[in-house]
Amino acid sequence: MLICVMSTMETKMSKRSSVKFQQILTWLMTEVMFGKTHYGIVRGLGRRDREALAAFRTAPRFFDMTLDAHADSAQMTVARIYDRTSAASIHKLFSSALREAGTFRHGTVTDVQKAVQESKAIIKAIEPTLAAIRTRRNQTMAHLDARPFADPAGYVSAGMVSYRQLDELFERTSEILNRFSLLYRGATVPLLLEDAKDYERAIDLLAAAASKFSQAAGST
């Protein structure tokens, strides 16, 4: 029985360690693109110009809940990228880069080692933001912990994240990933979805329809 258990554990560990650098890099770049899009929608739904407010008034509950959902999704994306237990985290990217450094066609082993060390220094600098997001993920978003109930003020303080901090976090993460992309592929990738702002058209259409309806109602 013990042999079977050990064999199963070895198989799981082998599968986890078999994830290659290129797979991890591609996965993380995709995560950043979608995370940035979620975050961009949050900022877009924070518009307070006349057209946006007219659109939001057509379905306030929908827009409030949509904003909250995208905010949670943006933060959960960050939590996955930096989760040390994940098979495809940024930390696994570093270890796989060091392990496969000899396969990089546009950089030497020394270049890869330097990129890892300097990237770790960048992550250390943004650790306060990552710690706040971990608090939110572990205590309310992915799990429900007793601490927010026992000490709500402490939870709010420990989980406080500003727009500026999220901006910086996504930008630093993008820079790290593209540095490794340059060393491995010889090219960087714009980590943005082309249609990331198509929600603006929906807002404008709703605003125009609301204005037309208001004018029609006023003329009757």
Protein backbone atom coordinates (compact mmCIF):
# COMPACT_ATOMS: atom_id res chain seq x y z
CA MET A 1 0.00 0.00 0.00
CA LEU A 2 2.83 2.39 0.94
CA ILE A 3 4.58 1.64 -2.36
CA CYS A 4 1.37 2.49 -4.27
CA VAL A 5 0.97 5.78 -2.40
CA MET A 6 4.60 6.74 -3.01
CA SER A 7 4.28 5.83 -6.67
CA THR A 8 1.18 8.03 -7.00
CA MET A 9 2.95 10.94 -5.30
CA GLU A 10 5.99 10.57 -7.56
CA THR A 11 3.73 10.54 -10.63
CA LYS A 12 1.98 13.74 -9.49
CA MET A 13 5.31 15.45 -8.76
CA SER A 14 6.65 14.35 -12.14
CA LYS A 15 3.61 15.77 -13.93
CA ARG A 16 3.94 19.05 -12.03
CA SER A 17 7.65 19.42 -12.79
CA SER A 18 7.12 18.46 -16.44
CA VAL A 19 5.56 21.84 -17.26
CA LYS A 20 8.04 23.52 -19.58
CA PHE A 21 9.27 27.10 -19.52
CA GLN A 22 7.57 28.03 -22.79
CA GLN A 23 4.23 26.67 -21.56
CA ILE A 24 4.47 28.64 -18.32
CA LEU A 25 5.48 31.84 -20.11
CA THR A 26 2.60 31.56 -22.59
CA TRP A 27 0.11 30.82 -19.79
CA LEU A 28 1.28 33.77 -17.68
CA MET A 29 1.17 36.17 -20.63
CA THR A 30 -2.40 35.09 -21.31
CA GLU A 31 -3.28 35.59 -17.64
CA VAL A 32 -1.84 39.11 -17.74
CA MET A 33 -3.79 40.00 -20.89
CA PHE A 34 -7.08 38.92 -19.37
CA GLY A 35 -6.22 40.40 -15.97
CA LYS A 36 -5.45 43.76 -17.57
CA THR A 37 -8.74 43.59 -19.46
CA HIS A 38 -10.70 42.92 -16.28
CA TYR A 39 -8.89 45.80 -14.61
CA GLY A 40 -9.47 48.10 -17.59
CA ILE A 41 -13.20 47.40 -17.45
CA VAL A 42 -13.20 48.29 -13.75
CA ARG A 43 -11.60 51.63 -14.56
CA GLY A 44 -13.96 52.14 -17.51
CA LEU A 45 -17.04 51.49 -15.39
CA GLY A 46 -15.73 54.12 -13.02
CA ARG A 47 -16.39 56.80 -15.65
CA ARG A 48 -18.46 59.68 -14.35
CA ASP A 49 -19.04 61.70 -17.51
CA ARG A 50 -22.60 62.49 -18.60
CA GLU A 51 -22.85 59.69 -21.17
CA ALA A 52 -21.56 57.03 -18.79
CA LEU A 53 -23.87 58.09 -15.97
CA ALA A 54 -26.86 57.99 -18.32
CA ALA A 55 -25.93 54.46 -19.37
CA PHE A 56 -25.35 53.27 -15.79
CA ARG A 57 -28.77 54.55 -14.72
CA THR A 58 -30.45 52.15 -17.17
CA ALA A 59 -29.38 49.14 -15.06
CA PRO A 60 -27.57 50.25 -11.89
CA ARG A 61 -27.59 46.83 -10.20
CA PHE A 62 -26.17 45.17 -13.29
CA PHE A 63 -23.35 47.68 -13.61
CA ASP A 64 -22.53 47.61 -9.89
CA MET A 65 -22.28 43.82 -9.87
CA THR A 66 -20.36 43.78 -13.15
CA LEU A 67 -17.81 46.21 -11.74
CA ASP A 68 -17.40 44.09 -8.59
CA ALA A 69 -17.03 40.88 -10.63
CA HIS A 70 -14.32 42.34 -12.85
CA ALA A 71 -12.50 43.77 -9.83
CA ASP A 72 -12.47 40.34 -8.19
CA SER A 73 -11.36 38.68 -11.43
CA ALA A 74 -8.46 41.12 -11.87
CA GLN A 75 -7.23 40.43 -8.35
CA MET A 76 -7.72 36.67 -8.64
CA THR A 77 -5.62 36.75 -11.79
CA VAL A 78 -2.79 38.39 -9.86
CA ALA A 79 -3.19 35.85 -7.05
CA ARG A 80 -2.83 32.96 -9.52
CA ILE A 81 0.21 34.48 -11.21
CA TYR A 82 2.06 34.84 -7.90
CA ASP A 83 0.73 31.73 -6.13
CA ARG A 84 3.76 29.71 -5.02
CA THR A 85 1.75 26.46 -4.98
CA SER A 86 0.72 26.80 -8.65
CA ALA A 87 2.27 24.66 -11.36
CA ALA A 88 2.45 27.71 -13.64
CA SER A 89 3.24 30.68 -11.40
CA ILE A 90 5.84 33.35 -11.97
CA HIS A 91 8.00 31.58 -9.37
CA LYS A 92 7.82 28.36 -11.42
CA LEU A 93 8.76 30.45 -14.46
CA PHE A 94 11.99 31.44 -12.74
CA SER A 95 12.93 27.91 -11.69
CA SER A 96 12.14 26.50 -15.13
CA ALA A 97 14.11 29.33 -16.79
CA LEU A 98 17.17 28.44 -14.73
CA ARG A 99 16.68 24.75 -15.46
CA GLU A 100 16.29 25.35 -19.22
CA ALA A 101 18.66 28.31 -19.52
CA GLY A 102 20.77 26.48 -22.09
CA THR A 103 17.84 26.38 -24.51
CA PHE A 104 17.40 30.18 -24.68
CA ARG A 105 18.39 31.25 -28.19
CA HIS A 106 18.63 34.98 -27.57
CA GLY A 107 20.49 35.09 -24.28
CA THR A 108 23.21 33.30 -22.40
CA VAL A 109 22.86 31.29 -19.21
CA THR A 110 24.28 34.31 -17.39
CA ASP A 111 21.65 36.56 -18.99
CA VAL A 112 18.89 34.25 -17.76
CA GLN A 113 20.34 34.10 -14.25
CA LYS A 114 20.56 37.90 -14.16
CA ALA A 115 16.97 38.25 -15.37
CA VAL A 116 15.77 35.92 -12.61
CA GLN A 117 17.63 37.79 -9.88
CA GLU A 118 16.50 41.22 -11.05
CA SER A 119 12.91 40.02 -11.48
CA LYS A 120 12.92 38.70 -7.92
CA ALA A 121 14.04 42.16 -6.76
CA ILE A 122 11.11 43.74 -8.62
CA ILE A 123 8.69 41.31 -6.97
CA LYS A 124 10.15 42.11 -3.56
CA ALA A 125 9.40 45.80 -4.19
CA ILE A 126 5.73 45.10 -5.00
CA GLU A 127 5.29 42.57 -2.20
CA PRO A 128 3.05 44.89 -0.10
CA THR A 129 0.49 44.94 -2.93
CA LEU A 130 0.76 41.18 -3.39
CA ALA A 131 0.29 40.66 0.35
CA ALA A 132 -2.89 42.77 0.29
CA ILE A 133 -4.27 40.75 -2.63
CA ARG A 134 -3.42 37.49 -0.87
CA THR A 135 -5.36 38.74 2.14
CA ARG A 136 -8.42 39.45 -0.01
CA ARG A 137 -8.11 36.15 -1.88
CA ASN A 138 -7.60 33.97 1.18
CA GLN A 139 -10.13 35.63 3.46
CA THR A 140 -13.09 36.55 1.24
CA MET A 141 -12.68 35.93 -2.51
CA ALA A 142 -11.55 32.30 -2.76
CA HIS A 143 -12.24 31.30 0.84
CA LEU A 144 -14.33 32.65 3.69
CA ASP A 145 -12.23 33.22 6.78
CA ALA A 146 -13.41 34.19 10.26
CA ARG A 147 -10.98 37.10 10.54
CA PRO A 148 -12.99 39.60 8.44
CA PHE A 149 -15.93 38.99 10.79
CA ALA A 150 -13.85 39.22 13.97
CA ASP A 151 -11.83 42.24 12.82
CA PRO A 152 -13.43 43.93 9.79
CA ALA A 153 -11.33 47.07 10.14
CA GLY A 154 -8.16 44.97 10.21
CA TYR A 155 -9.25 43.11 7.09
CA VAL A 156 -9.99 46.35 5.21
CA SER A 157 -6.62 47.77 6.21
CA ALA A 158 -4.63 44.63 5.36
CA GLY A 159 -6.47 44.17 2.05
CA MET A 160 -6.36 47.78 0.85
CA VAL A 161 -5.29 47.99 -2.80
CA SER A 162 -5.33 51.20 -4.86
CA TYR A 163 -5.70 51.67 -8.61
CA ARG A 164 -2.14 52.99 -8.70
CA GLN A 165 -0.85 49.82 -7.05
CA LEU A 166 -2.70 47.57 -9.49
CA ASP A 167 -1.43 49.64 -12.41
CA GLU A 168 2.13 49.21 -11.19
CA LEU A 169 1.67 45.51 -10.50
CA PHE A 170 0.40 44.70 -13.98
CA GLU A 171 3.10 46.85 -15.59
CA ARG A 172 5.94 45.29 -13.59
CA THR A 173 4.59 41.80 -14.29
CA SER A 174 4.36 42.57 -18.02
CA GLU A 175 7.95 43.85 -18.02
CA ILE A 176 9.21 40.69 -16.31
CA LEU A 177 7.42 38.36 -18.73
CA ASN A 178 8.55 40.28 -21.79
CA ARG A 179 12.14 40.27 -20.59
CA PHE A 180 12.06 36.49 -20.57
CA SER A 181 10.20 36.44 -23.87
CA LEU A 182 12.97 38.52 -25.41
CA LEU A 183 15.65 36.16 -24.11
CA TYR A 184 13.76 33.05 -25.20
CA ARG A 185 11.94 34.10 -28.38
CA GLY A 186 13.83 37.20 -29.41
CA ALA A 187 10.64 39.27 -29.31
CA THR A 188 8.30 40.97 -26.89
CA VAL A 189 4.50 40.74 -26.92
CA PRO A 190 2.01 43.58 -26.32
CA LEU A 191 0.04 42.13 -23.42
CA LEU A 192 -3.27 43.74 -24.35
CA LEU A 193 -6.40 42.36 -25.98
CA GLU A 194 -7.18 44.35 -29.11
CA ASP A 195 -10.87 44.70 -28.25
CA ALA A 196 -10.33 45.31 -24.54
CA LYS A 197 -12.28 48.57 -24.66
CA ASP A 198 -15.32 47.44 -26.62
CA TYR A 199 -17.40 48.03 -23.48
CA GLU A 200 -17.14 51.75 -24.30
CA ARG A 201 -19.32 51.21 -27.38
CA ALA A 202 -21.94 49.46 -25.22
CA ILE A 203 -21.94 52.39 -22.79
CA ASP A 204 -22.29 54.91 -25.62
CA LEU A 205 -25.16 52.97 -27.21
CA LEU A 206 -27.00 52.73 -23.90
CA ALA A 207 -26.47 56.43 -23.25
CA ALA A 208 -27.80 57.32 -26.71
CA ALA A 209 -30.84 55.07 -26.26
CA ALA A 210 -31.54 56.52 -22.80
CA SER A 211 -31.30 60.04 -24.18
CA LYS A 212 -33.63 59.22 -27.07
CA PHE A 213 -36.14 57.63 -24.69
CA SER A 214 -35.98 60.64 -22.38
CA GLN A 215 -36.58 63.05 -25.26
CA ALA A 216 -39.51 60.99 -26.53
CA ALA A 217 -41.05 60.86 -23.05
CA GLY A 218 -40.63 64.61 -22.65
CA SER A 219 -42.39 65.36 -25.92
CA THR A 220 -45.53 63.39 -25.01
